[in-house]
N, C-alpha and C. Protein backbone atom coordinates (compact mmCIF):
# COMPACT_ATOMS: atom_id res chain seq x y z
N UNK A 1 55.05 -3.19 94.76
CA UNK A 1 53.92 -3.44 93.87
C UNK A 1 53.91 -2.37 92.79
N UNK A 2 53.67 -2.82 91.56
CA UNK A 2 53.65 -1.88 90.46
C UNK A 2 52.32 -1.15 90.40
N UNK A 3 52.36 0.05 89.85
CA UNK A 3 51.14 0.83 89.68
C UNK A 3 50.26 0.16 88.63
N UNK A 4 48.94 0.24 88.79
CA UNK A 4 48.06 -0.32 87.76
C UNK A 4 48.26 0.41 86.44
N UNK A 5 47.99 -0.29 85.35
CA UNK A 5 48.17 0.32 84.04
C UNK A 5 47.14 1.40 83.76
N UNK A 6 45.98 1.30 84.39
CA UNK A 6 44.96 2.30 84.13
C UNK A 6 43.94 2.26 85.26
N UNK A 7 43.44 3.37 85.63
CA UNK A 7 42.42 3.45 86.69
C UNK A 7 41.04 3.20 86.09
N UNK A 8 40.13 2.63 86.87
CA UNK A 8 38.77 2.36 86.36
C UNK A 8 38.07 3.63 85.89
N UNK A 9 37.23 3.46 84.89
CA UNK A 9 36.40 4.56 84.40
C UNK A 9 35.08 3.96 83.96
N UNK A 10 34.02 4.73 83.91
CA UNK A 10 32.72 4.20 83.51
C UNK A 10 32.80 3.50 82.15
N UNK A 11 32.19 2.33 82.06
CA UNK A 11 32.16 1.59 80.81
C UNK A 11 33.36 0.71 80.57
N UNK A 12 34.36 0.78 81.44
CA UNK A 12 35.54 -0.07 81.25
C UNK A 12 35.36 -1.36 82.04
N UNK A 13 36.21 -2.33 81.74
CA UNK A 13 36.22 -3.56 82.51
C UNK A 13 37.65 -4.00 82.74
N UNK A 14 37.81 -4.92 83.66
CA UNK A 14 39.15 -5.38 84.02
C UNK A 14 39.61 -6.50 83.07
N UNK A 15 40.88 -6.42 82.68
CA UNK A 15 41.52 -7.45 81.86
C UNK A 15 42.82 -7.86 82.53
N UNK A 16 43.11 -9.14 82.49
CA UNK A 16 44.40 -9.64 82.97
C UNK A 16 45.32 -9.75 81.78
N UNK A 17 46.46 -9.08 81.86
CA UNK A 17 47.47 -9.12 80.81
C UNK A 17 48.66 -9.89 81.37
N UNK A 18 49.08 -10.92 80.65
CA UNK A 18 50.20 -11.76 81.07
C UNK A 18 51.39 -11.41 80.17
N UNK A 19 52.51 -11.06 80.83
CA UNK A 19 53.68 -10.52 80.12
C UNK A 19 54.94 -11.22 80.62
N UNK A 20 55.92 -11.36 79.74
CA UNK A 20 57.27 -11.78 80.15
C UNK A 20 58.26 -11.06 79.25
N UNK A 21 59.55 -11.19 79.56
CA UNK A 21 60.57 -10.56 78.74
C UNK A 21 61.46 -11.64 78.13
N UNK A 22 61.45 -11.72 76.80
CA UNK A 22 62.21 -12.77 76.12
C UNK A 22 63.72 -12.61 76.26
N UNK A 23 64.19 -11.36 76.38
CA UNK A 23 65.62 -11.13 76.56
C UNK A 23 66.09 -11.64 77.92
N UNK A 24 65.29 -11.38 78.95
CA UNK A 24 65.63 -11.86 80.29
C UNK A 24 65.66 -13.39 80.29
N UNK A 25 64.66 -14.01 79.66
CA UNK A 25 64.62 -15.48 79.58
C UNK A 25 65.87 -16.04 78.91
N UNK A 26 66.25 -15.44 77.80
CA UNK A 26 67.42 -15.92 77.06
C UNK A 26 68.70 -15.78 77.89
N UNK A 27 68.84 -14.65 78.57
CA UNK A 27 70.03 -14.44 79.40
C UNK A 27 70.08 -15.41 80.57
N UNK A 28 68.95 -15.67 81.19
CA UNK A 28 68.93 -16.59 82.32
C UNK A 28 69.33 -18.00 81.89
N UNK A 29 68.98 -18.39 80.68
CA UNK A 29 69.39 -19.70 80.18
C UNK A 29 70.91 -19.80 80.07
N UNK A 30 71.58 -18.66 79.92
CA UNK A 30 73.04 -18.58 79.85
C UNK A 30 73.64 -18.23 81.21
N UNK A 31 72.82 -18.30 82.26
CA UNK A 31 73.25 -17.95 83.63
C UNK A 31 73.74 -16.51 83.73
N UNK A 32 73.09 -15.63 83.02
CA UNK A 32 73.40 -14.21 83.06
C UNK A 32 72.14 -13.44 83.43
N UNK A 33 72.31 -12.19 83.80
CA UNK A 33 71.17 -11.33 84.13
C UNK A 33 71.11 -10.15 83.17
N UNK A 34 69.92 -9.68 82.96
CA UNK A 34 69.72 -8.50 82.10
C UNK A 34 70.21 -7.27 82.86
N UNK A 35 70.84 -6.33 82.17
CA UNK A 35 71.36 -5.14 82.87
C UNK A 35 70.26 -4.20 83.38
N UNK A 36 69.05 -4.28 82.79
CA UNK A 36 68.01 -3.34 83.16
C UNK A 36 66.81 -3.97 83.86
N UNK A 37 66.54 -5.24 83.61
CA UNK A 37 65.33 -5.87 84.13
C UNK A 37 65.66 -7.01 85.08
N UNK A 38 64.88 -7.08 86.14
CA UNK A 38 65.02 -8.12 87.14
C UNK A 38 64.79 -9.51 86.53
N UNK A 39 65.44 -10.51 87.11
CA UNK A 39 65.29 -11.89 86.62
C UNK A 39 63.84 -12.38 86.66
N UNK A 40 63.02 -11.79 87.51
CA UNK A 40 61.63 -12.23 87.62
C UNK A 40 60.87 -12.04 86.31
N UNK A 41 61.38 -11.17 85.41
CA UNK A 41 60.71 -10.95 84.13
C UNK A 41 60.84 -12.14 83.19
N UNK A 42 61.63 -13.14 83.56
CA UNK A 42 61.68 -14.38 82.78
C UNK A 42 60.39 -15.18 82.98
N UNK A 43 59.74 -14.96 84.11
CA UNK A 43 58.49 -15.65 84.43
C UNK A 43 57.30 -14.84 83.91
N UNK A 44 56.16 -15.51 83.84
CA UNK A 44 54.94 -14.81 83.46
C UNK A 44 54.52 -13.86 84.57
N UNK A 45 54.32 -12.62 84.21
CA UNK A 45 53.90 -11.59 85.16
C UNK A 45 52.48 -11.18 84.79
N UNK A 46 51.66 -10.97 85.80
CA UNK A 46 50.26 -10.61 85.54
C UNK A 46 50.01 -9.17 85.97
N UNK A 47 49.31 -8.45 85.11
CA UNK A 47 48.90 -7.08 85.40
C UNK A 47 47.41 -6.99 85.13
N UNK A 48 46.71 -6.24 85.96
CA UNK A 48 45.31 -5.98 85.71
C UNK A 48 45.19 -4.61 85.06
N UNK A 49 44.44 -4.57 83.97
CA UNK A 49 44.27 -3.35 83.19
C UNK A 49 42.79 -3.03 83.12
N UNK A 50 42.42 -1.78 83.31
CA UNK A 50 41.05 -1.32 83.10
C UNK A 50 41.00 -0.68 81.72
N UNK A 51 40.20 -1.28 80.84
CA UNK A 51 40.14 -0.80 79.46
C UNK A 51 38.75 -1.03 78.89
N UNK A 52 38.48 -0.40 77.76
CA UNK A 52 37.19 -0.54 77.09
C UNK A 52 37.03 -1.94 76.49
N UNK A 53 38.14 -2.50 75.99
CA UNK A 53 38.10 -3.83 75.40
C UNK A 53 39.50 -4.45 75.45
N UNK A 54 39.60 -5.70 75.00
CA UNK A 54 40.87 -6.42 75.08
C UNK A 54 41.95 -5.76 74.22
N UNK A 55 41.56 -5.21 73.08
CA UNK A 55 42.54 -4.56 72.20
C UNK A 55 43.15 -3.33 72.88
N UNK A 56 42.30 -2.55 73.55
CA UNK A 56 42.82 -1.38 74.27
C UNK A 56 43.72 -1.83 75.42
N UNK A 57 43.34 -2.89 76.12
CA UNK A 57 44.16 -3.41 77.22
C UNK A 57 45.54 -3.83 76.71
N UNK A 58 45.56 -4.51 75.58
CA UNK A 58 46.84 -4.94 75.01
C UNK A 58 47.68 -3.74 74.58
N UNK A 59 47.06 -2.75 73.97
CA UNK A 59 47.79 -1.55 73.53
C UNK A 59 48.37 -0.80 74.72
N UNK A 60 47.60 -0.70 75.81
CA UNK A 60 48.09 -0.02 77.00
C UNK A 60 49.29 -0.76 77.59
N UNK A 61 49.20 -2.09 77.63
CA UNK A 61 50.31 -2.89 78.15
C UNK A 61 51.55 -2.74 77.27
N UNK A 62 51.35 -2.73 75.96
CA UNK A 62 52.48 -2.61 75.03
C UNK A 62 53.18 -1.26 75.15
N UNK A 63 52.44 -0.23 75.51
CA UNK A 63 53.07 1.09 75.71
C UNK A 63 53.96 1.07 76.95
N UNK A 64 53.51 0.43 78.00
CA UNK A 64 54.30 0.38 79.22
C UNK A 64 55.42 -0.65 79.14
N UNK A 65 55.14 -1.76 78.46
CA UNK A 65 56.10 -2.85 78.31
C UNK A 65 56.34 -3.08 76.82
N UNK A 66 57.18 -2.25 76.20
CA UNK A 66 57.32 -2.27 74.74
C UNK A 66 57.99 -3.53 74.19
N UNK A 67 57.45 -4.04 73.08
CA UNK A 67 58.04 -5.23 72.45
C UNK A 67 59.51 -5.01 72.05
N UNK A 68 59.86 -3.79 71.66
CA UNK A 68 61.25 -3.53 71.26
C UNK A 68 62.22 -3.64 72.43
N UNK A 69 61.71 -3.66 73.67
CA UNK A 69 62.55 -3.86 74.85
C UNK A 69 62.53 -5.33 75.28
N UNK A 70 61.92 -6.18 74.45
CA UNK A 70 61.92 -7.61 74.73
C UNK A 70 60.66 -8.15 75.39
N UNK A 71 59.70 -7.28 75.67
CA UNK A 71 58.49 -7.74 76.35
C UNK A 71 57.55 -8.44 75.37
N UNK A 72 56.94 -9.50 75.86
CA UNK A 72 55.99 -10.29 75.08
C UNK A 72 54.68 -10.35 75.85
N UNK A 73 53.61 -9.98 75.20
CA UNK A 73 52.28 -10.11 75.81
C UNK A 73 51.79 -11.50 75.44
N UNK A 74 51.76 -12.37 76.46
CA UNK A 74 51.40 -13.77 76.23
C UNK A 74 49.89 -13.96 76.10
N UNK A 75 49.12 -13.17 76.86
CA UNK A 75 47.67 -13.28 76.77
C UNK A 75 46.99 -12.07 77.37
N UNK A 76 45.75 -11.86 76.94
CA UNK A 76 44.88 -10.82 77.48
C UNK A 76 43.51 -11.46 77.62
N UNK A 77 42.95 -11.42 78.83
CA UNK A 77 41.62 -11.99 79.00
C UNK A 77 40.82 -11.17 80.01
N UNK A 78 39.53 -11.11 79.78
CA UNK A 78 38.64 -10.39 80.68
C UNK A 78 38.61 -11.08 82.03
N UNK A 79 38.58 -10.28 83.08
CA UNK A 79 38.51 -10.80 84.44
C UNK A 79 37.04 -10.88 84.82
N UNK A 80 36.62 -12.04 85.31
CA UNK A 80 35.23 -12.20 85.77
C UNK A 80 34.98 -11.33 86.97
N UNK A 81 33.79 -10.76 87.02
CA UNK A 81 33.47 -9.90 88.16
C UNK A 81 32.30 -10.43 88.92
């Protein structure tokens, strides 16, 4: 299990960030694997982020899963509590 992107703090709320890796997807279509990332990154992966707002949640996810490494943030939505 991966570590959470951020620990809860007063005033923050939970957001679900959905991420995949476009490079992994492209390689799998060619029956190849990415040298650095598991094939599971071709699928939508969900992470829960504790942030002040959706923009902060997306920025935190982008730092951990950078677009230049092929990661795509498909969606960010508040988690009902």
